[in-house]
N, C-alpha and C. Protein backbone atom coordinates (compact mmCIF):
# COMPACT_ATOMS: atom_id res chain seq x y z
N UNK A 1 92.65 174.36 -139.98
CA UNK A 1 92.94 174.14 -138.57
C UNK A 1 94.33 173.60 -138.39
N UNK A 2 95.05 174.18 -137.50
CA UNK A 2 96.40 173.71 -137.19
C UNK A 2 96.38 172.81 -135.97
N UNK A 3 97.02 171.67 -136.12
CA UNK A 3 97.06 170.73 -135.02
C UNK A 3 98.17 171.11 -134.06
N UNK A 4 97.85 171.21 -132.78
CA UNK A 4 98.77 171.55 -131.75
C UNK A 4 98.77 170.53 -130.64
N UNK A 5 99.83 170.51 -129.84
CA UNK A 5 99.87 169.62 -128.71
C UNK A 5 98.69 169.89 -127.74
N UNK A 6 98.38 171.15 -127.55
CA UNK A 6 97.30 171.53 -126.65
C UNK A 6 95.96 171.01 -127.18
N UNK A 7 95.70 171.16 -128.50
CA UNK A 7 94.47 170.66 -129.08
C UNK A 7 94.33 169.14 -128.87
N UNK A 8 95.37 168.39 -129.15
CA UNK A 8 95.36 166.95 -128.98
C UNK A 8 95.04 166.60 -127.51
N UNK A 9 95.74 167.25 -126.60
CA UNK A 9 95.57 167.01 -125.15
C UNK A 9 94.11 167.31 -124.74
N UNK A 10 93.59 168.44 -125.16
CA UNK A 10 92.24 168.82 -124.79
C UNK A 10 91.18 167.86 -125.35
N UNK A 11 91.32 167.47 -126.60
CA UNK A 11 90.34 166.53 -127.18
C UNK A 11 90.35 165.18 -126.46
N UNK A 12 91.52 164.67 -126.21
CA UNK A 12 91.59 163.34 -125.58
C UNK A 12 91.04 163.41 -124.14
N UNK A 13 91.31 164.50 -123.47
CA UNK A 13 90.78 164.63 -122.09
C UNK A 13 89.29 164.74 -122.10
N UNK A 14 88.75 165.51 -123.01
CA UNK A 14 87.29 165.76 -123.04
C UNK A 14 86.52 164.55 -123.59
N UNK A 15 87.02 163.95 -124.67
CA UNK A 15 86.24 162.96 -125.38
C UNK A 15 86.41 161.50 -124.87
N UNK A 16 87.58 161.18 -124.36
CA UNK A 16 87.71 159.81 -123.83
C UNK A 16 88.11 159.78 -122.35
N UNK A 17 87.94 160.89 -121.72
CA UNK A 17 88.15 160.93 -120.28
C UNK A 17 89.55 160.68 -119.83
N UNK A 18 90.52 161.09 -120.66
CA UNK A 18 91.92 160.90 -120.29
C UNK A 18 92.25 161.64 -119.04
N UNK A 19 92.89 160.97 -118.08
CA UNK A 19 93.31 161.61 -116.84
C UNK A 19 94.76 162.07 -116.92
N UNK A 20 95.50 161.58 -117.92
CA UNK A 20 96.86 162.00 -118.13
C UNK A 20 97.13 161.89 -119.65
N UNK A 21 97.70 162.93 -120.21
CA UNK A 21 98.05 162.94 -121.63
C UNK A 21 99.42 163.66 -121.78
N UNK A 22 100.39 162.92 -122.30
CA UNK A 22 101.66 163.51 -122.70
C UNK A 22 101.65 163.61 -124.23
N UNK A 23 101.96 164.77 -124.74
CA UNK A 23 102.03 164.95 -126.19
C UNK A 23 103.38 165.56 -126.54
N UNK A 24 104.07 164.89 -127.45
CA UNK A 24 105.42 165.36 -127.85
C UNK A 24 105.39 165.56 -129.39
N UNK A 25 105.76 166.74 -129.81
CA UNK A 25 105.95 167.01 -131.25
C UNK A 25 107.29 166.39 -131.63
N UNK A 26 107.24 165.33 -132.42
CA UNK A 26 108.45 164.62 -132.81
C UNK A 26 109.01 165.05 -134.18
N UNK A 27 108.43 166.07 -134.76
CA UNK A 27 108.95 166.59 -136.02
C UNK A 27 110.30 167.25 -135.73
N UNK A 28 111.30 166.99 -136.53
CA UNK A 28 112.64 167.55 -136.32
C UNK A 28 112.63 169.07 -136.06
N UNK A 29 111.86 169.81 -136.86
CA UNK A 29 111.85 171.27 -136.70
C UNK A 29 110.59 171.75 -135.96
N UNK A 30 109.92 170.85 -135.27
CA UNK A 30 108.72 171.14 -134.47
C UNK A 30 107.63 171.84 -135.24
N UNK A 31 107.38 171.33 -136.46
CA UNK A 31 106.38 171.97 -137.32
C UNK A 31 104.98 171.31 -137.15
N UNK A 32 104.84 170.50 -136.15
CA UNK A 32 103.52 169.88 -135.82
C UNK A 32 103.00 168.96 -136.92
N UNK A 33 103.89 168.16 -137.52
CA UNK A 33 103.45 167.18 -138.52
C UNK A 33 103.55 165.73 -137.98
N UNK A 34 104.16 165.64 -136.82
CA UNK A 34 104.42 164.31 -136.24
C UNK A 34 104.31 164.36 -134.72
N UNK A 35 103.50 163.51 -134.15
CA UNK A 35 103.34 163.53 -132.69
C UNK A 35 103.46 162.13 -132.08
N UNK A 36 103.89 162.09 -130.82
CA UNK A 36 103.94 160.90 -130.02
C UNK A 36 103.11 161.19 -128.76
N UNK A 37 102.13 160.34 -128.47
CA UNK A 37 101.29 160.61 -127.27
C UNK A 37 101.24 159.41 -126.33
N UNK A 38 101.07 159.72 -125.10
CA UNK A 38 100.81 158.74 -124.05
C UNK A 38 99.44 159.15 -123.47
N UNK A 39 98.48 158.24 -123.49
CA UNK A 39 97.15 158.54 -123.04
C UNK A 39 96.78 157.54 -121.95
N UNK A 40 96.32 158.09 -120.80
CA UNK A 40 95.89 157.26 -119.67
C UNK A 40 94.40 157.55 -119.44
N UNK A 41 93.57 156.52 -119.55
CA UNK A 41 92.13 156.72 -119.38
C UNK A 41 91.48 155.50 -118.74
N UNK A 42 90.55 155.74 -117.78
CA UNK A 42 89.78 154.62 -117.22
C UNK A 42 88.91 153.93 -118.28
N UNK A 43 88.62 154.63 -119.36
CA UNK A 43 87.78 154.01 -120.42
C UNK A 43 88.51 152.92 -121.14
N UNK A 44 89.80 152.77 -120.96
CA UNK A 44 90.58 151.70 -121.57
C UNK A 44 90.48 150.38 -120.85
N UNK A 45 89.91 150.41 -119.61
CA UNK A 45 89.80 149.18 -118.80
C UNK A 45 89.03 148.13 -119.58
N UNK A 46 89.61 146.92 -119.62
CA UNK A 46 88.94 145.80 -120.27
C UNK A 46 88.98 145.82 -121.78
N UNK A 47 89.65 146.78 -122.36
CA UNK A 47 89.73 146.86 -123.84
C UNK A 47 91.09 146.39 -124.35
N UNK A 48 91.08 145.74 -125.48
CA UNK A 48 92.30 145.30 -126.12
C UNK A 48 93.03 146.50 -126.66
N UNK A 49 94.32 146.36 -126.90
CA UNK A 49 95.16 147.43 -127.44
C UNK A 49 94.56 148.05 -128.71
N UNK A 50 94.12 147.21 -129.63
CA UNK A 50 93.57 147.69 -130.89
C UNK A 50 92.33 148.54 -130.65
N UNK A 51 91.47 148.12 -129.71
CA UNK A 51 90.28 148.95 -129.34
C UNK A 51 90.65 150.29 -128.78
N UNK A 52 91.68 150.30 -127.96
CA UNK A 52 92.13 151.53 -127.36
C UNK A 52 92.65 152.50 -128.46
N UNK A 53 93.45 151.98 -129.33
CA UNK A 53 94.00 152.81 -130.42
C UNK A 53 92.90 153.35 -131.31
N UNK A 54 91.91 152.52 -131.56
CA UNK A 54 90.74 152.97 -132.37
C UNK A 54 90.01 154.11 -131.68
N UNK A 55 89.88 154.00 -130.34
CA UNK A 55 89.20 155.09 -129.61
C UNK A 55 89.96 156.41 -129.81
N UNK A 56 91.27 156.35 -129.68
CA UNK A 56 92.11 157.54 -129.88
C UNK A 56 92.04 158.03 -131.30
N UNK A 57 92.14 157.12 -132.28
CA UNK A 57 92.06 157.49 -133.68
C UNK A 57 90.71 158.12 -134.02
N UNK A 58 89.63 157.57 -133.46
CA UNK A 58 88.31 158.14 -133.71
C UNK A 58 88.17 159.55 -133.12
N UNK A 59 88.69 159.70 -131.95
CA UNK A 59 88.67 160.99 -131.28
C UNK A 59 89.43 162.07 -132.08
N UNK A 60 90.53 161.66 -132.69
CA UNK A 60 91.39 162.62 -133.44
C UNK A 60 91.28 162.46 -134.92
N UNK A 61 90.20 161.94 -135.45
CA UNK A 61 90.06 161.61 -136.87
C UNK A 61 90.38 162.83 -137.78
N UNK A 62 89.86 163.96 -137.45
CA UNK A 62 90.11 165.14 -138.29
C UNK A 62 91.54 165.60 -138.20
N UNK A 63 92.12 165.57 -137.02
CA UNK A 63 93.51 165.99 -136.82
C UNK A 63 94.47 165.05 -137.48
N UNK A 64 94.20 163.75 -137.50
CA UNK A 64 95.10 162.79 -138.10
C UNK A 64 95.25 162.97 -139.60
N UNK A 65 94.21 163.55 -140.21
CA UNK A 65 94.28 163.80 -141.67
C UNK A 65 95.40 164.80 -142.00
N UNK A 66 95.76 165.63 -141.05
CA UNK A 66 96.78 166.68 -141.29
C UNK A 66 98.19 166.27 -140.85
N UNK A 67 98.30 165.10 -140.23
CA UNK A 67 99.58 164.68 -139.67
C UNK A 67 100.35 163.74 -140.60
N UNK A 68 101.65 163.78 -140.51
CA UNK A 68 102.51 162.85 -141.27
C UNK A 68 102.68 161.55 -140.46
N UNK A 69 102.84 161.64 -139.15
CA UNK A 69 103.05 160.45 -138.31
C UNK A 69 102.41 160.69 -136.95
N UNK A 70 101.88 159.58 -136.40
CA UNK A 70 101.26 159.65 -135.06
C UNK A 70 101.52 158.31 -134.33
N UNK A 71 102.21 158.43 -133.22
CA UNK A 71 102.57 157.24 -132.41
C UNK A 71 101.80 157.37 -131.12
N UNK A 72 101.21 156.28 -130.64
CA UNK A 72 100.42 156.37 -129.42
C UNK A 72 100.72 155.18 -128.47
N UNK A 73 100.62 155.48 -127.21
CA UNK A 73 100.69 154.48 -126.16
C UNK A 73 99.48 154.72 -125.27
N UNK A 74 98.70 153.65 -125.02
CA UNK A 74 97.46 153.83 -124.29
C UNK A 74 97.49 152.90 -123.05
N UNK A 75 97.22 153.50 -121.89
CA UNK A 75 97.28 152.74 -120.66
C UNK A 75 96.07 153.02 -119.80
N UNK A 76 95.71 152.03 -118.97
CA UNK A 76 94.72 152.23 -117.93
C UNK A 76 95.42 152.93 -116.76
N UNK A 77 94.63 153.53 -115.86
CA UNK A 77 95.27 154.16 -114.70
C UNK A 77 96.14 153.19 -113.90
N UNK A 78 95.69 151.93 -113.78
CA UNK A 78 96.48 150.90 -113.05
C UNK A 78 97.80 150.64 -113.73
N UNK A 79 97.77 150.48 -115.05
CA UNK A 79 98.99 150.24 -115.82
C UNK A 79 99.91 151.45 -115.70
N UNK A 80 99.39 152.66 -115.71
CA UNK A 80 100.18 153.88 -115.59
C UNK A 80 100.91 153.92 -114.25
N UNK A 81 100.18 153.59 -113.18
CA UNK A 81 100.79 153.60 -111.85
C UNK A 81 101.93 152.57 -111.75
N UNK A 82 101.74 151.37 -112.35
CA UNK A 82 102.75 150.34 -112.34
C UNK A 82 103.97 150.82 -113.14
N UNK A 83 103.74 151.47 -114.27
CA UNK A 83 104.81 151.95 -115.10
C UNK A 83 105.63 153.04 -114.39
N UNK A 84 104.94 153.92 -113.70
CA UNK A 84 105.63 155.00 -112.98
C UNK A 84 106.49 154.47 -111.80
N UNK A 85 106.05 153.32 -111.23
CA UNK A 85 106.78 152.75 -110.12
C UNK A 85 108.06 152.07 -110.54
N UNK A 86 108.21 151.77 -111.77
CA UNK A 86 109.40 151.07 -112.27
C UNK A 86 110.59 151.96 -112.42
């Protein structure tokens, strides 16, 4: 299985109810070995950063086995709105 930006986006949307997902292939030659993601989900409400990251990691457990690097930022919808306003 090849990990793609679309696959990551689809899984996060379906499995943790993400309402916004930005996925960037950060590999220098865009070979899909390194990704940076921004995930916005109402399921993050009331959860600590570590819990949010574990939710994402559990969702993408199989895909993470194939990646060299994975950077994530997880926000609630309220945090996302505040960040966009800045």
